[in-house]
Amino acid sequence: MLLGQILNGLVSGAMYALVAIGFTLIVGVLDKLNFTHPEVFMLGGFIGLVSLTYLPLEWAFIFAFLIGGLLGLFTEFVAFRRFQSADSRITAALSSLALGLVFIDLVHKFWGNENVPLPPQTGWLTETFEIAGVRFLNLQLMVLAVTLALMIGLHFLIHHMKIGRQIRAVAEAPTSATLLGVNVLRVKQAVFFISSALAAIAGLLLALRSDAVGSEIGLTFGLKAMAIMAIGGMGDLRGAVLAALLIGVIEALMFYFGWGRLGEMTVWLAMILILLLRPAGLFAGGLHSREQRV
């Protein structure tokens, strides 16, 4: 039914949003692209695979958050710290791309190239609930609830905590922030930790939804998340979230109305259209000013 497809679209959009937010944070603060980010998302699923083999779901989320964040710190140290200037965008991007390929190769060494099933989940996750005569899995509700909680937490951190004010200051003017006593390196590390932790959680959620993990999923979701970031507006967190939910719902409706083959093209067609008509993004400069972007 239509309501069921809309919910499926919101679930997909929520996972797109978590990955797109990570891209958006890095771009907003460093003005660089982190091509390791999709692979951290992919590794989040494998962290869940290992955790769920021995531990309950709650611990899988904790480990995904912490290990994903540590991978973000490792990425910042290896691929970005030595390339601070604006002229080093390409070098940093290529370095992060190489590190991402290393992550993929490590996964292939341990788990191979094929999808690996997750341990069977039982209990409340597999139970259903009913809305307007349509039955849904509790898992779908959990994905939306976890995503909403993380987004609210991120909004509170960015707008009401000291580290959030420092992130916005560095995004606006890193030199001025340094003169005001802000530790720019620590802020950048915090951004990498947060963005990668969110990506790893998204990878775990996708693994739970599909009951399997694979090494290629990072490329698919990563490219879509980059496109969604461009649609929402480079560096605009709320724009990335709104664009992700919109794309997820449109894709689901395409499948519902029998245009499934066009569903996968939606994000790319939307990105081309937005770049042609509104290069700054759908929401940048309209819904949010420059000062609100990060």
C-alpha atoms as a PDB file:
ATOM      1  CA  MET A   1       0.000   0.000   0.000  1.00  0.00           C
ATOM      2  CA  LEU A   2       0.953   3.638  -0.482  1.00  0.00           C
ATOM      3  CA  LEU A   3       1.446   4.308   3.251  1.00  0.00           C
ATOM      4  CA  GLY A   4       3.790   1.342   3.484  1.00  0.00           C
ATOM      5  CA  GLN A   5       5.887   2.593   0.570  1.00  0.00           C
ATOM      6  CA  ILE A   6       6.099   6.074   2.067  1.00  0.00           C
ATOM      7  CA  LEU A   7       7.373   4.575   5.330  1.00  0.00           C
ATOM      8  CA  ASN A   8       9.909   2.501   3.391  1.00  0.00           C
ATOM      9  CA  GLY A   9      11.002   5.671   1.642  1.00  0.00           C
ATOM     10  CA  LEU A  10      11.429   7.494   4.945  1.00  0.00           C
ATOM     11  CA  VAL A  11      13.510   4.598   6.295  1.00  0.00           C
ATOM     12  CA  SER A  12      15.778   4.676   3.231  1.00  0.00           C
ATOM     13  CA  GLY A  13      15.949   8.461   3.381  1.00  0.00           C
ATOM     14  CA  ALA A  14      16.904   8.333   7.057  1.00  0.00           C
ATOM     15  CA  MET A  15      19.921   6.163   6.273  1.00  0.00           C
ATOM     16  CA  TYR A  16      20.858   8.371   3.325  1.00  0.00           C
ATOM     17  CA  ALA A  17      20.657  11.334   5.704  1.00  0.00           C
ATOM     18  CA  LEU A  18      23.075   9.862   8.255  1.00  0.00           C
ATOM     19  CA  VAL A  19      25.682   9.298   5.548  1.00  0.00           C
ATOM     20  CA  ALA A  20      25.035  12.643   3.819  1.00  0.00           C
ATOM     21  CA  ILE A  21      25.395  14.511   7.133  1.00  0.00           C
ATOM     22  CA  GLY A  22      28.909  13.112   7.486  1.00  0.00           C
ATOM     23  CA  PHE A  23      29.904  14.354   4.052  1.00  0.00           C
ATOM     24  CA  THR A  24      28.286  17.712   4.794  1.00  0.00           C
ATOM     25  CA  LEU A  25      30.128  18.183   8.098  1.00  0.00           C
ATOM     26  CA  ILE A  26      33.526  17.548   6.501  1.00  0.00           C
ATOM     27  CA  VAL A  27      32.791  19.820   3.556  1.00  0.00           C
ATOM     28  CA  GLY A  28      31.410  22.536   5.831  1.00  0.00           C
ATOM     29  CA  VAL A  29      34.452  22.572   8.120  1.00  0.00           C
ATOM     30  CA  LEU A  30      37.359  21.518   5.880  1.00  0.00           C
ATOM     31  CA  ASP A  31      35.958  22.359   2.441  1.00  0.00           C
ATOM     32  CA  LYS A  32      37.210  18.941   1.341  1.00  0.00           C
ATOM     33  CA  LEU A  33      35.589  15.640   0.353  1.00  0.00           C
ATOM     34  CA  ASN A  34      36.277  12.544   2.453  1.00  0.00           C
ATOM     35  CA  PHE A  35      36.124   9.529   0.131  1.00  0.00           C
ATOM     36  CA  THR A  36      36.806   7.169   3.041  1.00  0.00           C
ATOM     37  CA  HIS A  37      33.389   8.037   4.449  1.00  0.00           C
ATOM     38  CA  PRO A  38      31.352   5.503   2.384  1.00  0.00           C
ATOM     39  CA  GLU A  39      33.694   2.717   3.448  1.00  0.00           C
ATOM     40  CA  VAL A  40      33.262   3.603   7.124  1.00  0.00           C
ATOM     41  CA  PHE A  41      29.536   3.280   6.443  1.00  0.00           C
ATOM     42  CA  MET A  42      30.198  -0.159   4.931  1.00  0.00           C
ATOM     43  CA  LEU A  43      32.387  -1.154   7.878  1.00  0.00           C
ATOM     44  CA  GLY A  44      29.565  -0.228  10.248  1.00  0.00           C
ATOM     45  CA  GLY A  45      27.670  -3.220   8.894  1.00  0.00           C
ATOM     46  CA  PHE A  46      30.624  -5.528   9.478  1.00  0.00           C
ATOM     47  CA  ILE A  47      31.087  -4.156  13.001  1.00  0.00           C
ATOM     48  CA  GLY A  48      27.466  -5.118  13.541  1.00  0.00           C
ATOM     49  CA  LEU A  49      28.085  -8.558  12.050  1.00  0.00           C
ATOM     50  CA  VAL A  50      30.880  -9.285  14.532  1.00  0.00           C
ATOM     51  CA  SER A  51      29.094  -7.695  17.505  1.00  0.00           C
ATOM     52  CA  LEU A  52      25.757  -9.450  16.949  1.00  0.00           C
ATOM     53  CA  THR A  53      27.525 -12.806  16.793  1.00  0.00           C
ATOM     54  CA  TYR A  54      28.441 -12.495  20.464  1.00  0.00           C
ATOM     55  CA  LEU A  55      26.535  -9.555  21.970  1.00  0.00           C
ATOM     56  CA  PRO A  56      23.008  -8.072  22.095  1.00  0.00           C
ATOM     57  CA  LEU A  57      21.894  -5.316  19.718  1.00  0.00           C
ATOM     58  CA  GLU A  58      22.533  -2.475  22.167  1.00  0.00           C
ATOM     59  CA  TRP A  59      26.236  -3.299  22.266  1.00  0.00           C
ATOM     60  CA  ALA A  60      26.360  -3.481  18.480  1.00  0.00           C
ATOM     61  CA  PHE A  61      25.213   0.150  18.327  1.00  0.00           C
ATOM     62  CA  ILE A  62      27.759   1.203  20.947  1.00  0.00           C
ATOM     63  CA  PHE A  63      30.620  -0.531  19.155  1.00  0.00           C
ATOM     64  CA  ALA A  64      29.542   0.807  15.758  1.00  0.00           C
ATOM     65  CA  PHE A  65      29.476   4.363  17.137  1.00  0.00           C
ATOM     66  CA  LEU A  66      32.834   4.118  18.923  1.00  0.00           C
ATOM     67  CA  ILE A  67      34.766   2.165  16.293  1.00  0.00           C
ATOM     68  CA  GLY A  68      33.278   4.269  13.497  1.00  0.00           C
ATOM     69  CA  GLY A  69      34.393   7.402  15.327  1.00  0.00           C
ATOM     70  CA  LEU A  70      37.902   6.008  15.815  1.00  0.00           C
ATOM     71  CA  LEU A  71      38.083   5.194  12.107  1.00  0.00           C
ATOM     72  CA  GLY A  72      37.200   8.827  11.475  1.00  0.00           C
ATOM     73  CA  LEU A  73      40.080   9.962  13.687  1.00  0.00           C
ATOM     74  CA  PHE A  74      42.403   7.564  11.880  1.00  0.00           C
ATOM     75  CA  THR A  75      41.251   8.969   8.530  1.00  0.00           C
ATOM     76  CA  GLU A  76      41.878  12.540   9.698  1.00  0.00           C
ATOM     77  CA  PHE A  77      45.387  11.635  10.842  1.00  0.00           C
ATOM     78  CA  VAL A  78      46.397   9.593   7.785  1.00  0.00           C
ATOM     79  CA  ALA A  79      44.626  11.324   4.918  1.00  0.00           C
ATOM     80  CA  PHE A  80      43.939  14.943   5.922  1.00  0.00           C
ATOM     81  CA  ARG A  81      46.207  16.329   8.632  1.00  0.00           C
ATOM     82  CA  ARG A  82      49.160  16.950   6.340  1.00  0.00           C
ATOM     83  CA  PHE A  83      46.974  18.567   3.680  1.00  0.00           C
ATOM     84  CA  GLN A  84      45.610  21.644   5.421  1.00  0.00           C
ATOM     85  CA  SER A  85      45.760  24.277   2.691  1.00  0.00           C
ATOM     86  CA  ALA A  86      42.997  25.006   0.212  1.00  0.00           C
ATOM     87  CA  ASP A  87      45.382  24.023  -2.592  1.00  0.00           C
ATOM     88  CA  SER A  88      45.587  20.463  -1.266  1.00  0.00           C
ATOM     89  CA  ARG A  89      41.936  19.507  -1.839  1.00  0.00           C
ATOM     90  CA  ILE A  90      42.771  17.034  -4.603  1.00  0.00           C
ATOM     91  CA  THR A  91      45.678  15.508  -2.655  1.00  0.00           C
ATOM     92  CA  ALA A  92      43.518  15.004   0.436  1.00  0.00           C
ATOM     93  CA  ALA A  93      40.682  13.553  -1.638  1.00  0.00           C
ATOM     94  CA  LEU A  94      43.005  11.097  -3.378  1.00  0.00           C
ATOM     95  CA  SER A  95      44.590  10.130  -0.072  1.00  0.00           C
ATOM     96  CA  SER A  96      41.181   9.417   1.469  1.00  0.00           C
ATOM     97  CA  LEU A  97      40.167   7.477  -1.644  1.00  0.00           C
ATOM     98  CA  ALA A  98      43.271   5.292  -1.299  1.00  0.00           C
ATOM     99  CA  LEU A  99      42.529   4.671   2.379  1.00  0.00           C
ATOM    100  CA  GLY A 100      38.974   3.691   1.507  1.00  0.00           C
ATOM    101  CA  LEU A 101      40.290   1.139  -0.985  1.00  0.00           C
ATOM    102  CA  VAL A 102      42.493  -0.277   1.764  1.00  0.00           C
ATOM    103  CA  PHE A 103      39.398  -0.722   3.956  1.00  0.00           C
ATOM    104  CA  ILE A 104      37.620  -2.549   1.120  1.00  0.00           C
ATOM    105  CA  ASP A 105      40.622  -4.819   0.568  1.00  0.00           C
ATOM    106  CA  LEU A 106      40.765  -5.680   4.272  1.00  0.00           C
ATOM    107  CA  VAL A 107      37.095  -6.654   4.199  1.00  0.00           C
ATOM    108  CA  HIS A 108      37.746  -8.859   1.167  1.00  0.00           C
ATOM    109  CA  LYS A 109      40.615 -10.574   3.012  1.00  0.00           C
ATOM    110  CA  PHE A 110      38.477 -11.406   6.040  1.00  0.00           C
ATOM    111  CA  TRP A 111      34.993 -11.933   4.598  1.00  0.00           C
ATOM    112  CA  GLY A 112      35.409 -12.249   0.830  1.00  0.00           C
ATOM    113  CA  ASN A 113      33.562 -10.460  -1.960  1.00  0.00           C
ATOM    114  CA  GLU A 114      30.093 -11.920  -1.399  1.00  0.00           C
ATOM    115  CA  ASN A 115      27.387 -10.667   0.943  1.00  0.00           C
ATOM    116  CA  VAL A 116      27.553 -12.181   4.429  1.00  0.00           C
ATOM    117  CA  PRO A 117      24.273 -12.852   6.317  1.00  0.00           C
ATOM    118  CA  LEU A 118      23.788 -11.397   9.767  1.00  0.00           C
ATOM    119  CA  PRO A 119      23.025 -13.696  12.715  1.00  0.00           C
ATOM    120  CA  PRO A 120      19.220 -14.224  12.799  1.00  0.00           C
ATOM    121  CA  GLN A 121      17.443 -11.562  14.849  1.00  0.00           C
ATOM    122  CA  THR A 122      14.609 -12.503  17.184  1.00  0.00           C
ATOM    123  CA  GLY A 123      12.426 -10.667  19.672  1.00  0.00           C
ATOM    124  CA  TRP A 124      10.759  -7.302  19.246  1.00  0.00           C
ATOM    125  CA  LEU A 125      12.700  -6.344  16.096  1.00  0.00           C
ATOM    126  CA  THR A 126      10.911  -9.024  14.086  1.00  0.00           C
ATOM    127  CA  GLU A 127       7.477  -8.192  15.489  1.00  0.00           C
ATOM    128  CA  THR A 128       5.003  -6.011  13.616  1.00  0.00           C
ATOM    129  CA  PHE A 129       2.664  -3.132  14.357  1.00  0.00           C
ATOM    130  CA  GLU A 130      -0.311  -1.810  12.426  1.00  0.00           C
ATOM    131  CA  ILE A 131      -1.157   1.691  11.168  1.00  0.00           C
ATOM    132  CA  ALA A 132      -4.343   2.328   9.150  1.00  0.00           C
ATOM    133  CA  GLY A 133      -4.611  -1.348   8.311  1.00  0.00           C
ATOM    134  CA  VAL A 134      -1.002  -1.605   7.106  1.00  0.00           C
ATOM    135  CA  ARG A 135       1.462  -3.801   9.010  1.00  0.00           C
ATOM    136  CA  PHE A 136       5.041  -2.665   9.557  1.00  0.00           C
ATOM    137  CA  LEU A 137       8.086  -4.225  11.171  1.00  0.00           C
ATOM    138  CA  ASN A 138       9.316  -2.809  14.455  1.00  0.00           C
ATOM    139  CA  LEU A 139      12.702  -2.671  12.713  1.00  0.00           C
ATOM    140  CA  GLN A 140      11.409   0.112  10.437  1.00  0.00           C
ATOM    141  CA  LEU A 141      10.240   2.105  13.428  1.00  0.00           C
ATOM    142  CA  MET A 142      13.586   1.555  15.157  1.00  0.00           C
ATOM    143  CA  VAL A 143      15.538   2.868  12.141  1.00  0.00           C
ATOM    144  CA  LEU A 144      13.463   6.050  12.117  1.00  0.00           C
ATOM    145  CA  ALA A 145      13.659   6.446  15.908  1.00  0.00           C
ATOM    146  CA  VAL A 146      17.449   5.981  16.032  1.00  0.00           C
ATOM    147  CA  THR A 147      17.976   8.366  13.115  1.00  0.00           C
ATOM    148  CA  LEU A 148      15.702  11.005  14.650  1.00  0.00           C
ATOM    149  CA  ALA A 149      17.454  10.720  18.015  1.00  0.00           C
ATOM    150  CA  LEU A 150      20.897  11.098  16.399  1.00  0.00           C
ATOM    151  CA  MET A 151      19.782  14.105  14.360  1.00  0.00           C
ATOM    152  CA  ILE A 152      18.270  15.811  17.408  1.00  0.00           C
ATOM    153  CA  GLY A 153      21.457  15.085  19.336  1.00  0.00           C
ATOM    154  CA  LEU A 154      23.601  16.496  16.528  1.00  0.00           C
ATOM    155  CA  HIS A 155      21.437  19.625  16.299  1.00  0.00           C
ATOM    156  CA  PHE A 156      21.743  20.151  20.063  1.00  0.00           C
ATOM    157  CA  LEU A 157      25.523  19.648  19.901  1.00  0.00           C
ATOM    158  CA  ILE A 158      26.001  22.053  16.986  1.00  0.00           C
ATOM    159  CA  HIS A 159      23.773  24.841  18.318  1.00  0.00           C
ATOM    160  CA  HIS A 160      23.866  24.557  22.123  1.00  0.00           C
ATOM    161  CA  MET A 161      27.264  23.129  23.128  1.00  0.00           C
ATOM    162  CA  LYS A 162      30.717  24.661  23.217  1.00  0.00           C
ATOM    163  CA  ILE A 163      32.168  22.223  20.697  1.00  0.00           C
ATOM    164  CA  GLY A 164      29.290  23.017  18.351  1.00  0.00           C
ATOM    165  CA  ARG A 165      29.987  26.746  18.534  1.00  0.00           C
ATOM    166  CA  GLN A 166      33.633  26.012  17.825  1.00  0.00           C
ATOM    167  CA  ILE A 167      32.700  23.855  14.823  1.00  0.00           C
ATOM    168  CA  ARG A 168      30.606  26.695  13.407  1.00  0.00           C
ATOM    169  CA  ALA A 169      33.411  29.172  14.064  1.00  0.00           C
ATOM    170  CA  VAL A 170      35.986  27.023  12.277  1.00  0.00           C
ATOM    171  CA  ALA A 171      33.584  26.472   9.379  1.00  0.00           C
ATOM    172  CA  GLU A 172      33.147  30.243   9.016  1.00  0.00           C
ATOM    173  CA  ALA A 173      36.736  31.411   9.456  1.00  0.00           C
ATOM    174  CA  PRO A 174      39.400  28.988  10.733  1.00  0.00           C
ATOM    175  CA  THR A 175      42.084  31.680  11.002  1.00  0.00           C
ATOM    176  CA  SER A 176      39.863  33.958  13.078  1.00  0.00           C
ATOM    177  CA  ALA A 177      38.813  30.990  15.225  1.00  0.00           C
ATOM    178  CA  THR A 178      42.482  30.232  15.940  1.00  0.00           C
ATOM    179  CA  LEU A 179      43.105  33.846  16.980  1.00  0.00           C
ATOM    180  CA  LEU A 180      40.133  33.570  19.350  1.00  0.00           C
ATOM    181  CA  GLY A 181      41.716  30.570  21.072  1.00  0.00           C
ATOM    182  CA  VAL A 182      39.853  27.733  19.346  1.00  0.00           C
ATOM    183  CA  ASN A 183      41.897  24.546  18.958  1.00  0.00           C
ATOM    184  CA  VAL A 184      41.206  23.986  15.253  1.00  0.00           C
ATOM    185  CA  LEU A 185      42.850  20.550  15.193  1.00  0.00           C
ATOM    186  CA  ARG A 186      40.628  19.307  18.024  1.00  0.00           C
ATOM    187  CA  VAL A 187      37.554  20.681  16.257  1.00  0.00           C
ATOM    188  CA  LYS A 188      38.474  18.886  13.043  1.00  0.00           C
ATOM    189  CA  GLN A 189      39.040  15.666  14.966  1.00  0.00           C
ATOM    190  CA  ALA A 190      35.627  16.053  16.598  1.00  0.00           C
ATOM    191  CA  VAL A 191      34.021  16.537  13.181  1.00  0.00           C
ATOM    192  CA  PHE A 192      35.681  13.400  11.810  1.00  0.00           C
ATOM    193  CA  PHE A 193      34.679  11.401  14.874  1.00  0.00           C
ATOM    194  CA  ILE A 194      31.049  12.520  14.737  1.00  0.00           C
ATOM    195  CA  SER A 195      30.612  12.119  10.985  1.00  0.00           C
ATOM    196  CA  SER A 196      32.213   8.661  10.889  1.00  0.00           C
ATOM    197  CA  ALA A 197      30.301   7.473  13.965  1.00  0.00           C
ATOM    198  CA  LEU A 198      27.015   8.461  12.297  1.00  0.00           C
ATOM    199  CA  ALA A 199      28.052   6.689   9.092  1.00  0.00           C
ATOM    200  CA  ALA A 200      28.887   3.496  10.995  1.00  0.00           C
ATOM    201  CA  ILE A 201      25.498   3.585  12.745  1.00  0.00           C
ATOM    202  CA  ALA A 202      23.826   3.987   9.337  1.00  0.00           C
ATOM    203  CA  GLY A 203      25.762   0.979   8.057  1.00  0.00           C
ATOM    204  CA  LEU A 204      24.565  -1.092  10.999  1.00  0.00           C
ATOM    205  CA  LEU A 205      20.966  -0.003  10.410  1.00  0.00           C
ATOM    206  CA  LEU A 206      21.167  -0.977   6.744  1.00  0.00           C
ATOM    207  CA  ALA A 207      22.658  -4.346   7.689  1.00  0.00           C
ATOM    208  CA  LEU A 208      19.775  -4.981  10.101  1.00  0.00           C
ATOM    209  CA  ARG A 209      17.258  -3.970   7.463  1.00  0.00           C
ATOM    210  CA  SER A 210      18.738  -6.200   4.724  1.00  0.00           C
ATOM    211  CA  ASP A 211      19.923  -9.046   7.028  1.00  0.00           C
ATOM    212  CA  ALA A 212      23.308  -9.033   5.290  1.00  0.00           C
ATOM    213  CA  VAL A 213      26.499  -7.024   4.832  1.00  0.00           C
ATOM    214  CA  GLY A 214      28.682  -6.607   1.762  1.00  0.00           C
ATOM    215  CA  SER A 215      31.785  -4.733   0.670  1.00  0.00           C
ATOM    216  CA  GLU A 216      30.132  -2.964  -2.281  1.00  0.00           C
ATOM    217  CA  ILE A 217      27.333  -1.224  -0.409  1.00  0.00           C
ATOM    218  CA  GLY A 218      29.542   1.709   0.566  1.00  0.00           C
ATOM    219  CA  LEU A 219      29.975   2.733  -3.052  1.00  0.00           C
ATOM    220  CA  THR A 220      26.228   2.690  -3.766  1.00  0.00           C
ATOM    221  CA  PHE A 221      25.157   4.603  -0.664  1.00  0.00           C
ATOM    222  CA  GLY A 222      28.232   6.821  -0.671  1.00  0.00           C
ATOM    223  CA  LEU A 223      27.648   8.143  -4.174  1.00  0.00           C
ATOM    224  CA  LYS A 224      23.970   8.766  -3.403  1.00  0.00           C
ATOM    225  CA  ALA A 225      24.886  10.580  -0.199  1.00  0.00           C
ATOM    226  CA  MET A 226      27.275  12.839  -2.108  1.00  0.00           C
ATOM    227  CA  ALA A 227      24.541  13.626  -4.622  1.00  0.00           C
ATOM    228  CA  ILE A 228      22.091  14.337  -1.783  1.00  0.00           C
ATOM    229  CA  MET A 229      24.625  16.691  -0.200  1.00  0.00           C
ATOM    230  CA  ALA A 230      24.798  18.626  -3.481  1.00  0.00           C
ATOM    231  CA  ILE A 231      20.995  18.688  -3.743  1.00  0.00           C
ATOM    232  CA  GLY A 232      20.530  19.969  -0.201  1.00  0.00           C
ATOM    233  CA  GLY A 233      23.331  22.522  -0.415  1.00  0.00           C
ATOM    234  CA  MET A 234      27.033  22.045   0.258  1.00  0.00           C
ATOM    235  CA  GLY A 235      27.637  22.414   3.990  1.00  0.00           C
ATOM    236  CA  ASP A 236      23.934  22.709   4.877  1.00  0.00           C
ATOM    237  CA  LEU A 237      23.077  20.025   7.458  1.00  0.00           C
ATOM    238  CA  ARG A 238      19.334  20.557   7.463  1.00  0.00           C
ATOM    239  CA  GLY A 239      19.321  20.727   3.684  1.00  0.00           C
ATOM    240  CA  ALA A 240      21.088  17.344   3.556  1.00  0.00           C
ATOM    241  CA  VAL A 241      18.482  15.786   5.873  1.00  0.00           C
ATOM    242  CA  LEU A 242      15.505  17.184   3.982  1.00  0.00           C
ATOM    243  CA  ALA A 243      16.964  16.222   0.612  1.00  0.00           C
ATOM    244  CA  ALA A 244      17.712  12.685   1.846  1.00  0.00           C
ATOM    245  CA  LEU A 245      14.169  12.118   3.109  1.00  0.00           C
ATOM    246  CA  LEU A 246      12.726  13.579  -0.083  1.00  0.00           C
ATOM    247  CA  ILE A 247      14.857  11.350  -2.318  1.00  0.00           C
ATOM    248  CA  GLY A 248      14.022   8.276  -0.229  1.00  0.00           C
ATOM    249  CA  VAL A 249      10.277   8.888  -0.520  1.00  0.00           C
ATOM    250  CA  ILE A 250      10.461   9.653  -4.259  1.00  0.00           C
ATOM    251  CA  GLU A 251      12.393   6.436  -4.891  1.00  0.00           C
ATOM    252  CA  ALA A 252       9.830   4.423  -2.943  1.00  0.00           C
ATOM    253  CA  LEU A 253       6.935   6.018  -4.829  1.00  0.00           C
ATOM    254  CA  MET A 254       8.641   5.247  -8.144  1.00  0.00           C
ATOM    255  CA  PHE A 255       8.649   1.566  -7.200  1.00  0.00           C
ATOM    256  CA  TYR A 256       5.043   1.775  -5.990  1.00  0.00           C
ATOM    257  CA  PHE A 257       3.788   3.174  -9.283  1.00  0.00           C
ATOM    258  CA  GLY A 258       5.732   0.621 -11.344  1.00  0.00           C
ATOM    259  CA  TRP A 259       8.620   2.858 -12.369  1.00  0.00           C
ATOM    260  CA  GLY A 260      11.180   0.887 -10.388  1.00  0.00           C
ATOM    261  CA  ARG A 261      13.876   1.216 -13.016  1.00  0.00           C
ATOM    262  CA  LEU A 262      13.602   4.989 -12.803  1.00  0.00           C
ATOM    263  CA  GLY A 263      13.750   4.914  -8.998  1.00  0.00           C
ATOM    264  CA  GLU A 264      17.512   4.442  -8.911  1.00  0.00           C
ATOM    265  CA  MET A 265      17.921   7.318 -11.364  1.00  0.00           C
ATOM    266  CA  THR A 266      15.939   9.744  -9.222  1.00  0.00           C
ATOM    267  CA  VAL A 267      18.837  11.073  -7.171  1.00  0.00           C
ATOM    268  CA  TRP A 268      21.039  11.606 -10.240  1.00  0.00           C
ATOM    269  CA  LEU A 269      18.334  13.319 -12.270  1.00  0.00           C
ATOM    270  CA  ALA A 270      17.508  15.518  -9.286  1.00  0.00           C
ATOM    271  CA  MET A 271      21.178  16.426  -8.788  1.00  0.00           C
ATOM    272  CA  ILE A 272      21.615  17.383 -12.455  1.00  0.00           C
ATOM    273  CA  LEU A 273      18.450  19.481 -12.365  1.00  0.00           C
ATOM    274  CA  ILE A 274      19.435  21.237  -9.131  1.00  0.00           C
ATOM    275  CA  LEU A 275      22.983  21.946 -10.336  1.00  0.00           C
ATOM    276  CA  LEU A 276      21.600  23.433 -13.546  1.00  0.00           C
ATOM    277  CA  LEU A 277      18.906  25.579 -11.911  1.00  0.00           C
ATOM    278  CA  ARG A 278      20.267  26.238  -8.416  1.00  0.00           C
ATOM    279  CA  PRO A 279      23.993  25.416  -8.159  1.00  0.00           C
ATOM    280  CA  ALA A 280      24.138  26.398  -4.478  1.00  0.00           C
ATOM    281  CA  GLY A 281      21.647  23.640  -3.644  1.00  0.00           C
ATOM    282  CA  LEU A 282      17.939  23.395  -3.036  1.00  0.00           C
ATOM    283  CA  PHE A 283      17.972  24.917   0.439  1.00  0.00           C
ATOM    284  CA  ALA A 284      21.209  26.923   0.575  1.00  0.00           C
ATOM    285  CA  GLY A 285      20.547  30.648   0.554  1.00  0.00           C
ATOM    286  CA  GLY A 286      16.810  30.114   0.787  1.00  0.00           C
ATOM    287  CA  LEU A 287      15.825  28.148   3.867  1.00  0.00           C
ATOM    288  CA  HIS A 288      19.171  28.830   5.582  1.00  0.00           C
ATOM    289  CA  SER A 289      21.650  31.644   5.496  1.00  0.00           C
ATOM    290  CA  ARG A 290      25.399  31.126   5.265  1.00  0.00           C
ATOM    291  CA  GLU A 291      25.702  31.588   9.025  1.00  0.00           C
ATOM    292  CA  GLN A 292      23.335  28.664   9.656  1.00  0.00           C
ATOM    293  CA  ARG A 293      24.914  26.190   7.307  1.00  0.00           C
ATOM    294  CA  VAL A 294      27.030  24.177   9.750  1.00  0.00           C
END
